Structure formats: structure tokens, C-alpha cells
C-alpha atoms as a PDB file:
ATOM      1  CA  MET A   1      14.865-175.247 -22.121  1.00  0.00           C
ATOM      2  CA  GLN A   2      13.958-178.022 -24.518  1.00  0.00           C
ATOM      3  CA  GLU A   3      12.693-181.321 -23.140  1.00  0.00           C
ATOM      4  CA  PHE A   4      13.377-184.442 -25.226  1.00  0.00           C
ATOM      5  CA  LEU A   5      13.436-188.157 -24.592  1.00  0.00           C
ATOM      6  CA  GLN A   6      16.849-189.723 -24.177  1.00  0.00           C
ATOM      7  CA  GLU A   7      16.191-192.829 -26.270  1.00  0.00           C
ATOM      8  CA  ASN A   8      16.192-192.542 -30.039  1.00  0.00           C
ATOM      9  CA  ALA A   9      12.527-192.998 -30.885  1.00  0.00           C
ATOM     10  CA  PHE A  10      13.331-192.252 -34.521  1.00  0.00           C
ATOM     11  CA  LEU A  11      15.473-195.362 -34.881  1.00  0.00           C
ATOM     12  CA  GLU A  12      13.098-197.290 -37.146  1.00  0.00           C
ATOM     13  CA  ARG A  13      12.540-194.271 -39.361  1.00  0.00           C
ATOM     14  CA  THR A  14      16.297-193.761 -39.575  1.00  0.00           C
ATOM     15  CA  ARG A  15      16.602-197.252 -41.020  1.00  0.00           C
ATOM     16  CA  LEU A  16      13.738-196.502 -43.389  1.00  0.00           C
ATOM     17  CA  ALA A  17      15.277-193.260 -44.615  1.00  0.00           C
ATOM     18  CA  ALA A  18      18.597-194.983 -45.229  1.00  0.00           C
ATOM     19  CA  ARG A  19      17.115-197.725 -47.397  1.00  0.00           C
ATOM     20  CA  ALA A  20      18.893-197.892 -50.734  1.00  0.00           C
ATOM     21  CA  ALA A  21      15.618-198.909 -52.379  1.00  0.00           C
ATOM     22  CA  VAL A  22      14.244-195.392 -51.903  1.00  0.00           C
ATOM     23  CA  GLU A  23      14.936-193.819 -55.272  1.00  0.00           C
ATOM     24  CA  GLY A  24      15.170-190.132 -56.031  1.00  0.00           C
ATOM     25  CA  PRO A  25      16.541-187.128 -54.162  1.00  0.00           C
ATOM     26  CA  ILE A  26      13.725-186.831 -51.588  1.00  0.00           C
ATOM     27  CA  LYS A  27      13.517-188.845 -48.349  1.00  0.00           C
ATOM     28  CA  LEU A  28      11.209-186.603 -46.291  1.00  0.00           C
ATOM     29  CA  ILE A  29       8.105-184.649 -47.373  1.00  0.00           C
ATOM     30  CA  VAL A  30       6.891-181.945 -44.993  1.00  0.00           C
ATOM     31  CA  SER A  31       3.698-179.942 -45.317  1.00  0.00           C
ATOM     32  CA  ASP A  32       1.810-177.284 -43.457  1.00  0.00           C
ATOM     33  CA  PHE A  33      -1.899-178.023 -43.100  1.00  0.00           C
ATOM     34  CA  ASP A  34      -4.179-174.981 -42.852  1.00  0.00           C
ATOM     35  CA  GLY A  35      -4.083-173.039 -46.084  1.00  0.00           C
ATOM     36  CA  THR A  36      -1.788-175.624 -47.682  1.00  0.00           C
ATOM     37  CA  LEU A  37      -3.240-179.140 -47.505  1.00  0.00           C
ATOM     38  CA  LEU A  38      -6.715-177.971 -46.530  1.00  0.00           C
ATOM     39  CA  PRO A  39      -8.649-174.714 -46.035  1.00  0.00           C
ATOM     40  CA  GLU A  40      -7.796-172.815 -42.861  1.00  0.00           C
ATOM     41  CA  SER A  41      -9.225-174.468 -39.715  1.00  0.00           C
ATOM     42  CA  TYR A  42     -11.138-176.987 -41.867  1.00  0.00           C
ATOM     43  CA  PRO A  43     -12.325-179.891 -39.672  1.00  0.00           C
ATOM     44  CA  ASP A  44     -11.790-182.784 -42.109  1.00  0.00           C
ATOM     45  CA  LEU A  45      -9.236-184.075 -44.591  1.00  0.00           C
ATOM     46  CA  GLU A  46     -10.127-184.072 -48.265  1.00  0.00           C
ATOM     47  CA  ALA A  47      -9.889-187.521 -49.857  1.00  0.00           C
ATOM     48  CA  ASP A  48      -6.688-186.820 -51.781  1.00  0.00           C
ATOM     49  CA  VAL A  49      -4.689-186.100 -48.600  1.00  0.00           C
ATOM     50  CA  PRO A  50      -4.930-189.606 -47.043  1.00  0.00           C
ATOM     51  CA  ALA A  51      -4.221-191.061 -50.483  1.00  0.00           C
ATOM     52  CA  MET A  52      -1.088-188.908 -50.707  1.00  0.00           C
ATOM     53  CA  ILE A  53       0.104-189.960 -47.237  1.00  0.00           C
ATOM     54  CA  GLN A  54      -0.421-193.615 -48.068  1.00  0.00           C
ATOM     55  CA  ALA A  55       1.471-193.235 -51.362  1.00  0.00           C
ATOM     56  CA  ILE A  56       4.373-191.532 -49.592  1.00  0.00           C
ATOM     57  CA  HIS A  57       4.569-194.348 -47.055  1.00  0.00           C
ATOM     58  CA  GLU A  58       4.324-197.084 -49.691  1.00  0.00           C
ATOM     59  CA  ALA A  59       7.138-195.391 -51.629  1.00  0.00           C
ATOM     60  CA  GLY A  60       9.400-195.700 -48.571  1.00  0.00           C
ATOM     61  CA  LEU A  61       9.490-191.971 -47.891  1.00  0.00           C
ATOM     62  CA  ILE A  62       8.565-190.197 -44.649  1.00  0.00           C
ATOM     63  CA  PHE A  63       5.755-187.663 -44.252  1.00  0.00           C
ATOM     64  CA  ALA A  64       5.790-184.939 -41.579  1.00  0.00           C
ATOM     65  CA  ALA A  65       2.790-182.780 -40.710  1.00  0.00           C
ATOM     66  CA  ALA A  66       3.940-179.294 -39.633  1.00  0.00           C
ATOM     67  CA  SER A  67       1.059-177.284 -38.211  1.00  0.00           C
ATOM     68  CA  GLY A  68      -0.010-174.758 -35.646  1.00  0.00           C
ATOM     69  CA  ARG A  69      -2.723-177.211 -34.645  1.00  0.00           C
ATOM     70  CA  HIS A  70      -2.582-179.229 -31.447  1.00  0.00           C
ATOM     71  CA  TYR A  71      -1.167-182.753 -31.684  1.00  0.00           C
ATOM     72  CA  SER A  72      -4.412-184.300 -30.468  1.00  0.00           C
ATOM     73  CA  ASN A  73      -6.269-182.727 -33.386  1.00  0.00           C
ATOM     74  CA  LEU A  74      -3.685-183.707 -35.998  1.00  0.00           C
ATOM     75  CA  SER A  75      -3.394-187.301 -34.799  1.00  0.00           C
ATOM     76  CA  SER A  76      -7.188-187.625 -34.703  1.00  0.00           C
ATOM     77  CA  LEU A  77      -7.508-186.053 -38.140  1.00  0.00           C
ATOM     78  CA  MET A  78      -5.094-188.656 -39.513  1.00  0.00           C
ATOM     79  CA  ALA A  79      -5.942-191.499 -37.128  1.00  0.00           C
ATOM     80  CA  GLU A  80      -5.694-194.178 -39.811  1.00  0.00           C
ATOM     81  CA  TYR A  81      -2.183-193.069 -40.792  1.00  0.00           C
ATOM     82  CA  ALA A  82      -0.925-191.608 -37.505  1.00  0.00           C
ATOM     83  CA  ASP A  83       1.778-194.253 -37.070  1.00  0.00           C
ATOM     84  CA  GLU A  84       3.186-193.343 -40.489  1.00  0.00           C
ATOM     85  CA  VAL A  85       3.493-189.608 -39.791  1.00  0.00           C
ATOM     86  CA  ILE A  86       5.904-187.382 -37.877  1.00  0.00           C
ATOM     87  CA  PHE A  87       3.993-184.537 -36.224  1.00  0.00           C
ATOM     88  CA  LEU A  88       5.508-181.058 -35.766  1.00  0.00           C
ATOM     89  CA  SER A  89       2.490-179.652 -33.940  1.00  0.00           C
ATOM     90  CA  ASN A  90       1.876-176.312 -32.248  1.00  0.00           C
ATOM     91  CA  ASN A  91       4.247-174.662 -34.738  1.00  0.00           C
ATOM     92  CA  GLY A  92       7.006-177.119 -33.930  1.00  0.00           C
ATOM     93  CA  ALA A  93       6.737-176.782 -30.146  1.00  0.00           C
ATOM     94  CA  HIS A  94       5.760-180.460 -29.835  1.00  0.00           C
ATOM     95  CA  ILE A  95       7.430-183.232 -31.880  1.00  0.00           C
ATOM     96  CA  SER A  96       5.887-186.696 -32.098  1.00  0.00           C
ATOM     97  CA  ASP A  97       6.737-189.822 -34.061  1.00  0.00           C
ATOM     98  CA  GLY A  98       3.304-191.259 -34.679  1.00  0.00           C
ATOM     99  CA  HIS A  99       1.839-191.952 -31.237  1.00  0.00           C
ATOM    100  CA  THR A 100       5.215-191.516 -29.515  1.00  0.00           C
ATOM    101  CA  SER A 101       5.950-188.087 -28.049  1.00  0.00           C
ATOM    102  CA  ILE A 102       9.587-187.213 -28.767  1.00  0.00           C
ATOM    103  CA  GLY A 103       9.747-183.918 -26.902  1.00  0.00           C
ATOM    104  CA  CYS A 104       8.828-180.272 -26.759  1.00  0.00           C
ATOM    105  CA  PHE A 105      10.036-176.704 -26.355  1.00  0.00           C
ATOM    106  CA  PRO A 106       8.182-175.472 -23.230  1.00  0.00           C
ATOM    107  CA  LEU A 107       7.592-171.818 -22.465  1.00  0.00           C
ATOM    108  CA  PRO A 108       9.283-170.627 -19.243  1.00  0.00           C
ATOM    109  CA  THR A 109       6.865-170.285 -16.346  1.00  0.00           C
ATOM    110  CA  LYS A 110       7.697-166.586 -16.007  1.00  0.00           C
ATOM    111  CA  ALA A 111       6.809-165.972 -19.662  1.00  0.00           C
ATOM    112  CA  VAL A 112       3.212-167.110 -19.361  1.00  0.00           C
ATOM    113  CA  PRO A 113       1.731-164.113 -17.443  1.00  0.00           C
ATOM    114  CA  LEU A 114       3.702-161.657 -19.608  1.00  0.00           C
ATOM    115  CA  ILE A 115       2.285-163.096 -22.821  1.00  0.00           C
ATOM    116  CA  LEU A 116      -1.238-163.306 -21.401  1.00  0.00           C
ATOM    117  CA  GLN A 117      -1.069-159.668 -20.264  1.00  0.00           C
ATOM    118  CA  ALA A 118       0.053-158.454 -23.700  1.00  0.00           C
ATOM    119  CA  ILE A 119      -2.742-160.385 -25.425  1.00  0.00           C
ATOM    120  CA  GLU A 120      -5.281-158.947 -22.967  1.00  0.00           C
ATOM    121  CA  GLU A 121      -3.961-155.426 -23.621  1.00  0.00           C
ATOM    122  CA  ALA A 122      -4.452-156.016 -27.347  1.00  0.00           C
ATOM    123  CA  ARG A 123      -8.055-157.061 -26.631  1.00  0.00           C
ATOM    124  CA  ALA A 124      -7.556-160.469 -28.158  1.00  0.00           C
ATOM    125  CA  THR A 125      -8.495-163.903 -26.817  1.00  0.00           C
ATOM    126  CA  PRO A 126      -5.632-165.970 -25.350  1.00  0.00           C
ATOM    127  CA  VAL A 127      -5.486-169.643 -26.300  1.00  0.00           C
ATOM    128  CA  ILE A 128      -3.066-171.685 -24.173  1.00  0.00           C
ATOM    129  CA  SER A 129      -1.618-174.881 -25.622  1.00  0.00           C
ATOM    130  CA  GLY A 130      -0.297-177.577 -23.319  1.00  0.00           C
ATOM    131  CA  LEU A 131       1.018-180.998 -24.217  1.00  0.00           C
ATOM    132  CA  ASN A 132      -2.239-182.627 -23.144  1.00  0.00           C
ATOM    133  CA  ALA A 133      -4.937-180.064 -23.917  1.00  0.00           C
ATOM    134  CA  THR A 134      -5.818-176.517 -24.984  1.00  0.00           C
ATOM    135  CA  TYR A 135      -6.968-174.092 -22.282  1.00  0.00           C
ATOM    136  CA  LEU A 136      -9.379-171.161 -22.629  1.00  0.00           C
ATOM    137  CA  PHE A 137     -10.586-168.540 -20.151  1.00  0.00           C
ATOM    138  CA  THR A 138     -13.544-167.737 -22.397  1.00  0.00           C
ATOM    139  CA  LEU A 139     -14.867-168.514 -25.830  1.00  0.00           C
ATOM    140  CA  PRO A 140     -14.680-165.706 -28.402  1.00  0.00           C
ATOM    141  CA  GLU A 141     -18.011-164.141 -29.323  1.00  0.00           C
ATOM    142  CA  GLU A 142     -17.538-165.088 -32.976  1.00  0.00           C
ATOM    143  CA  GLN A 143     -17.091-168.800 -32.415  1.00  0.00           C
ATOM    144  CA  GLU A 144     -17.693-169.591 -36.081  1.00  0.00           C
ATOM    145  CA  HIS A 145     -14.168-168.330 -36.858  1.00  0.00           C
ATOM    146  CA  LEU A 146     -12.494-170.410 -34.167  1.00  0.00           C
ATOM    147  CA  TYR A 147     -13.349-173.922 -35.401  1.00  0.00           C
ATOM    148  CA  LEU A 148     -12.819-175.474 -31.983  1.00  0.00           C
ATOM    149  CA  GLU A 149     -12.003-178.866 -33.498  1.00  0.00           C
ATOM    150  CA  SER A 150      -8.566-177.603 -34.578  1.00  0.00           C
ATOM    151  CA  LEU A 151      -7.604-176.942 -30.942  1.00  0.00           C
ATOM    152  CA  GLY A 152      -7.895-180.567 -29.838  1.00  0.00           C
ATOM    153  CA  LYS A 153      -9.073-181.342 -26.310  1.00  0.00           C
ATOM    154  CA  LEU A 154     -10.505-178.165 -24.743  1.00  0.00           C
ATOM    155  CA  VAL A 155     -10.454-177.283 -21.047  1.00  0.00           C
ATOM    156  CA  MET A 156     -12.126-174.142 -19.701  1.00  0.00           C
ATOM    157  CA  ILE A 157     -10.275-172.414 -16.828  1.00  0.00           C
ATOM    158  CA  LYS A 158     -10.725-169.347 -14.644  1.00  0.00           C
ATOM    159  CA  ASP A 159      -7.093-168.952 -13.557  1.00  0.00           C
ATOM    160  CA  ILE A 160      -3.799-169.917 -15.199  1.00  0.00           C
ATOM    161  CA  ARG A 161      -2.840-171.713 -11.988  1.00  0.00           C
ATOM    162  CA  GLU A 162      -5.443-174.345 -12.858  1.00  0.00           C
ATOM    163  CA  VAL A 163      -3.256-175.541 -15.737  1.00  0.00           C
ATOM    164  CA  ASN A 164      -1.339-178.618 -14.574  1.00  0.00           C
ATOM    165  CA  ASP A 165       0.366-179.159 -17.892  1.00  0.00           C
ATOM    166  CA  THR A 166       3.516-178.194 -19.809  1.00  0.00           C
ATOM    167  CA  ILE A 167       2.665-174.989 -21.677  1.00  0.00           C
ATOM    168  CA  ILE A 168       4.287-174.970 -25.104  1.00  0.00           C
ATOM    169  CA  LYS A 169       2.422-172.226 -26.964  1.00  0.00           C
ATOM    170  CA  ILE A 170       0.169-169.245 -26.278  1.00  0.00           C
ATOM    171  CA  SER A 171      -1.837-167.793 -29.150  1.00  0.00           C
ATOM    172  CA  ALA A 172      -3.711-164.554 -29.642  1.00  0.00           C
ATOM    173  CA  TYR A 173      -7.029-164.971 -31.443  1.00  0.00           C
ATOM    174  CA  SER A 174      -8.630-161.868 -32.944  1.00  0.00           C
ATOM    175  CA  ALA A 175     -12.012-162.218 -34.632  1.00  0.00           C
ATOM    176  CA  PRO A 176     -11.601-159.028 -36.746  1.00  0.00           C
ATOM    177  CA  GLY A 177      -8.199-160.248 -37.949  1.00  0.00           C
ATOM    178  CA  ILE A 178      -4.757-160.532 -36.384  1.00  0.00           C
ATOM    179  CA  LEU A 179      -2.992-158.017 -38.639  1.00  0.00           C
ATOM    180  CA  GLY A 180      -4.607-155.134 -36.746  1.00  0.00           C
ATOM    181  CA  ILE A 181      -2.759-156.032 -33.544  1.00  0.00           C
ATOM    182  CA  SER A 182       0.189-158.165 -34.681  1.00  0.00           C
ATOM    183  CA  ASP A 183       2.675-155.272 -34.761  1.00  0.00           C
ATOM    184  CA  TYR A 184       1.792-154.355 -31.183  1.00  0.00           C
ATOM    185  CA  LEU A 185       2.152-157.938 -29.971  1.00  0.00           C
ATOM    186  CA  SER A 186       5.412-158.455 -31.855  1.00  0.00           C
ATOM    187  CA  ALA A 187       6.861-155.273 -30.378  1.00  0.00           C
ATOM    188  CA  LYS A 188       5.883-156.391 -26.872  1.00  0.00           C
ATOM    189  CA  LEU A 189       6.922-160.034 -27.128  1.00  0.00           C
ATOM    190  CA  GLY A 190       8.771-160.789 -30.351  1.00  0.00           C
ATOM    191  CA  ASP A 191      12.311-160.275 -29.047  1.00  0.00           C
ATOM    192  CA  LYS A 192      12.015-163.103 -26.525  1.00  0.00           C
ATOM    193  CA  TYR A 193       9.305-165.369 -27.897  1.00  0.00           C
ATOM    194  CA  GLN A 194       8.922-166.546 -31.476  1.00  0.00           C
ATOM    195  CA  ALA A 195       6.035-164.469 -32.844  1.00  0.00           C
ATOM    196  CA  ALA A 196       4.410-166.132 -35.838  1.00  0.00           C
ATOM    197  CA  ILE A 197       1.221-165.236 -37.710  1.00  0.00           C
ATOM    198  CA  SER A 198      -0.380-168.589 -38.422  1.00  0.00           C
ATOM    199  CA  GLY A 199      -3.695-167.596 -39.983  1.00  0.00           C
ATOM    200  CA  ARG A 200      -6.093-164.724 -40.577  1.00  0.00           C
ATOM    201  CA  HIS A 201      -7.055-164.600 -36.908  1.00  0.00           C
ATOM    202  CA  TRP A 202      -4.007-166.051 -35.150  1.00  0.00           C
ATOM    203  CA  GLN A 203      -0.597-165.072 -33.830  1.00  0.00           C
ATOM    204  CA  ASP A 204       1.399-167.650 -31.885  1.00  0.00           C
ATOM    205  CA  PHE A 205       4.156-167.279 -29.278  1.00  0.00           C
ATOM    206  CA  THR A 206       6.566-170.128 -28.549  1.00  0.00           C
ATOM    207  CA  LEU A 207      10.233-170.890 -28.009  1.00  0.00           C
ATOM    208  CA  ALA A 208      10.036-173.082 -31.093  1.00  0.00           C
ATOM    209  CA  SER A 209       9.329-172.837 -34.806  1.00  0.00           C
ATOM    210  CA  LYS A 210       8.571-175.267 -37.590  1.00  0.00           C
ATOM    211  CA  GLY A 211      12.117-174.800 -38.894  1.00  0.00           C
ATOM    212  CA  LYS A 212      13.646-175.495 -35.486  1.00  0.00           C
ATOM    213  CA  ALA A 213      11.581-178.668 -35.162  1.00  0.00           C
ATOM    214  CA  LEU A 214      12.462-179.743 -38.694  1.00  0.00           C
ATOM    215  CA  ARG A 215      16.159-179.224 -37.954  1.00  0.00           C
ATOM    216  CA  TYR A 216      15.838-181.537 -34.932  1.00  0.00           C
ATOM    217  CA  VAL A 217      14.100-184.206 -37.019  1.00  0.00           C
ATOM    218  CA  LEU A 218      16.741-184.021 -39.753  1.00  0.00           C
ATOM    219  CA  ASP A 219      19.504-184.484 -37.194  1.00  0.00           C
ATOM    220  CA  GLU A 220      17.744-187.487 -35.655  1.00  0.00           C
ATOM    221  CA  LEU A 221      17.035-189.094 -39.030  1.00  0.00           C
ATOM    222  CA  GLN A 222      20.528-188.302 -40.287  1.00  0.00           C
ATOM    223  CA  LEU A 223      19.105-186.502 -43.320  1.00  0.00           C
ATOM    224  CA  GLU A 224      20.272-183.402 -45.175  1.00  0.00           C
ATOM    225  CA  PRO A 225      18.094-180.416 -46.139  1.00  0.00           C
ATOM    226  CA  ASP A 226      18.525-181.330 -49.829  1.00  0.00           C
ATOM    227  CA  GLN A 227      16.558-184.513 -49.101  1.00  0.00           C
ATOM    228  CA  VAL A 228      13.488-182.542 -47.929  1.00  0.00           C
ATOM    229  CA  LEU A 229      10.483-181.445 -50.006  1.00  0.00           C
ATOM    230  CA  CYS A 230       8.467-178.833 -48.092  1.00  0.00           C
ATOM    231  CA  PHE A 231       5.189-176.918 -48.584  1.00  0.00           C
ATOM    232  CA  GLY A 232       3.728-173.904 -46.743  1.00  0.00           C
ATOM    233  CA  ASP A 233       1.593-170.803 -47.129  1.00  0.00           C
ATOM    234  CA  ASN A 234       2.019-168.456 -44.164  1.00  0.00           C
ATOM    235  CA  TYR A 235       4.511-166.488 -42.095  1.00  0.00           C
ATOM    236  CA  ASN A 236       4.945-169.330 -39.585  1.00  0.00           C
ATOM    237  CA  ASP A 237       6.336-171.467 -42.427  1.00  0.00           C
ATOM    238  CA  ARG A 238       9.230-169.126 -43.171  1.00  0.00           C
ATOM    239  CA  ASP A 239      12.205-170.877 -41.564  1.00  0.00           C
ATOM    240  CA  MET A 240      10.872-174.299 -42.541  1.00  0.00           C
ATOM    241  CA  LEU A 241      10.738-173.240 -46.199  1.00  0.00           C
ATOM    242  CA  ALA A 242      14.196-171.676 -45.892  1.00  0.00           C
ATOM    243  CA  LEU A 243      15.708-174.841 -44.407  1.00  0.00           C
ATOM    244  CA  ALA A 244      14.293-177.352 -46.894  1.00  0.00           C
ATOM    245  CA  GLY A 245      16.324-178.042 -50.002  1.00  0.00           C
ATOM    246  CA  HIS A 246      13.148-178.098 -52.105  1.00  0.00           C
ATOM    247  CA  SER A 247      10.471-175.654 -50.925  1.00  0.00           C
ATOM    248  CA  TYR A 248       7.170-174.538 -52.425  1.00  0.00           C
ATOM    249  CA  ALA A 249       4.651-171.931 -51.313  1.00  0.00           C
ATOM    250  CA  MET A 250       1.014-171.997 -52.305  1.00  0.00           C
ATOM    251  CA  GLU A 251       0.165-169.870 -55.342  1.00  0.00           C
ATOM    252  CA  ASP A 252      -2.271-167.774 -53.304  1.00  0.00           C
ATOM    253  CA  ALA A 253       0.203-167.104 -50.466  1.00  0.00           C
ATOM    254  CA  VAL A 254       1.189-163.497 -49.827  1.00  0.00           C
ATOM    255  CA  PRO A 255       4.218-162.278 -51.851  1.00  0.00           C
ATOM    256  CA  ALA A 256       6.554-162.325 -48.840  1.00  0.00           C
ATOM    257  CA  VAL A 257       5.884-166.015 -48.242  1.00  0.00           C
ATOM    258  CA  ARG A 258       6.233-166.892 -51.923  1.00  0.00           C
ATOM    259  CA  ALA A 259       9.607-165.137 -51.902  1.00  0.00           C
ATOM    260  CA  TRP A 260      10.937-167.489 -49.189  1.00  0.00           C
ATOM    261  CA  ALA A 261      10.250-170.571 -51.318  1.00  0.00           C
ATOM    262  CA  GLN A 262      11.943-171.805 -54.454  1.00  0.00           C
ATOM    263  CA  GLY A 263       8.673-172.098 -56.332  1.00  0.00           C
ATOM    264  CA  THR A 264       4.894-172.158 -56.026  1.00  0.00           C
ATOM    265  CA  VAL A 265       2.314-174.913 -56.263  1.00  0.00           C
ATOM    266  CA  LYS A 266      -1.455-174.902 -56.699  1.00  0.00           C
ATOM    267  CA  HIS A 267      -2.317-178.326 -55.228  1.00  0.00           C
ATOM    268  CA  VAL A 268       0.080-180.196 -52.946  1.00  0.00           C
ATOM    269  CA  PRO A 269      -1.280-183.771 -53.313  1.00  0.00           C
ATOM    270  CA  SER A 270      -1.126-183.533 -57.128  1.00  0.00           C
ATOM    271  CA  PHE A 271       2.446-182.209 -56.978  1.00  0.00           C
ATOM    272  CA  VAL A 272       3.536-184.964 -54.574  1.00  0.00           C
ATOM    273  CA  MET A 273       1.882-187.728 -56.592  1.00  0.00           C
ATOM    274  CA  ASP A 274       3.610-186.436 -59.740  1.00  0.00           C
ATOM    275  CA  TYR A 275       6.941-186.528 -57.901  1.00  0.00           C
ATOM    276  CA  LEU A 276       6.350-190.090 -56.697  1.00  0.00           C
ATOM    277  CA  ARG A 277       5.677-191.171 -60.272  1.00  0.00           C
ATOM    278  CA  THR A 278       8.716-189.435 -61.796  1.00  0.00           C
ATOM    279  CA  ARG A 279      11.107-189.012 -58.823  1.00  0.00           C
ATOM    280  CA  HIS A 280      12.036-185.707 -60.432  1.00  0.00           C
ATOM    281  CA  ILE A 281      11.652-182.231 -58.913  1.00  0.00           C
END
């Protein structure tokens, strides 16, 4: 069951998107982060990303960050521009308008032990995402691959009953690589819970997706898919790329992901800045 606020927290952005002064076909620019705007699990933004966000805002367009990362990490990463960004965090399971939480797609209580058991059977590390924090039973032995900063606020637990939070995503982390166990996990869980590979070491399980979250945002902002410019690089970007009227995969994305997009791009900030100058796709 999805949980959303009753009031329209997107009201101001709706007015912004409807402004006649915004020239060109695009009103909303959406981008994945890891592997698209920055290297996977990288702890900092490169200088051209804040410059791009500022240029988008100054042009009267809206920027949305669509990522598997926790909201607390994304909002901290972009603290200076957080009020100018829509966040589709935890693979779309949590939607925020700047510092205002709009809502989420929580996992059913009964689903949590089933997902945890399957991840344990696959000998992977479970990472539990709540609205307020990320919960771990143990740290993986190869911590250098985990980049704990990307998980936001961390809380160590011994039992799932210690989590007094709304659980919106559970991830399997595999240090050797997720592809070795992803088929097993998808077969066990994929029919009921959105199974999405979100990086070399990660597979996520939610009742949401980036595309589902983007569809909600478009409805609230009264925008059409043809007014969206979207970028991604991995399997968890599939339905987001399919929904957007103008979609681009990274040149180094796997062939399947490139096939879901209308084109490829080498460097997102350069592409966006070129669009803002020409207003031509």
C-alpha cells in the first residue's frame, strides 16, 4: 500500500513547470546517479554536477535525482541545492520535494522476513532501508566495496524487530558481484517484489521503481512524458527510461540497457548544458 501526503506539496513546482517563459520541449530533467552522474558509490559530486543543477534551476526547469541511494545521502550530497531538487530515492520507494517528504511505497510487514531469508540463503549481506535510516546486521568483510556514505544514516541491529521505521527497500549486497546470485534471488522474490540490479554488487527489492515514482511525479506536476529528459545506466533504470519521452543511456552501459533508451550519451552535464543553450534535443 502506498503512503502519500494528502496536501499537494508539488504545488509551487506545478506553477513553475507551467510557466510560459520556459522555452523548449523539456520541463523536467531526471538522472540516475551512480554510474551516470558519478562513479558507482562515489562519495562526492564532481564540480560539473552542481553547476548543471544550478543551470537547470535558473532556466526554470525542474531536476529530479533518481537513485538507489538513501534520501539522507542524496540530500546531504546536494545540500546546497536540495530545495531545488525532487528526490526519487531508494529506487523510487521514497519521493521527496526538496526537504519535504511526499510519500513512499512501504514493503508489507510479512514480506520482510521472506526477503531476508532469501538473501541469507544466497549468502549475501542484507541492507534494510527505512525512511529514517539504513539498518545492518553486520558489515560485509570487504567494506571497501560498500562505500557506507551512500547508505545515509547507519544503524546496527541484532534483530529485525529493533527497526522502528517504515521499511521501503531491502537490498542484497554481494562482494564478489551480484550477477552470481541475482537469478536465484529473482526466482525466489521477483514475482512479488520489484527485483532490480542497481550496481555491480547490489540487487534491490521494493514495491516501487524509478518509473513508478516518475509516473507519480508527472501526474502531480501535470506534465507529459514528452516533456521529460532522462538519463540512466543500469537495470533499475529500465522503466524510467521507457517512460520518458527523451531517454539516454550511458555509452558504457550494458547493451540491454542501451536498447531501452532512445540514444546514448558520454557525459550527462555536458549534454544537459548543450540542451539548455540550444533548447533542442
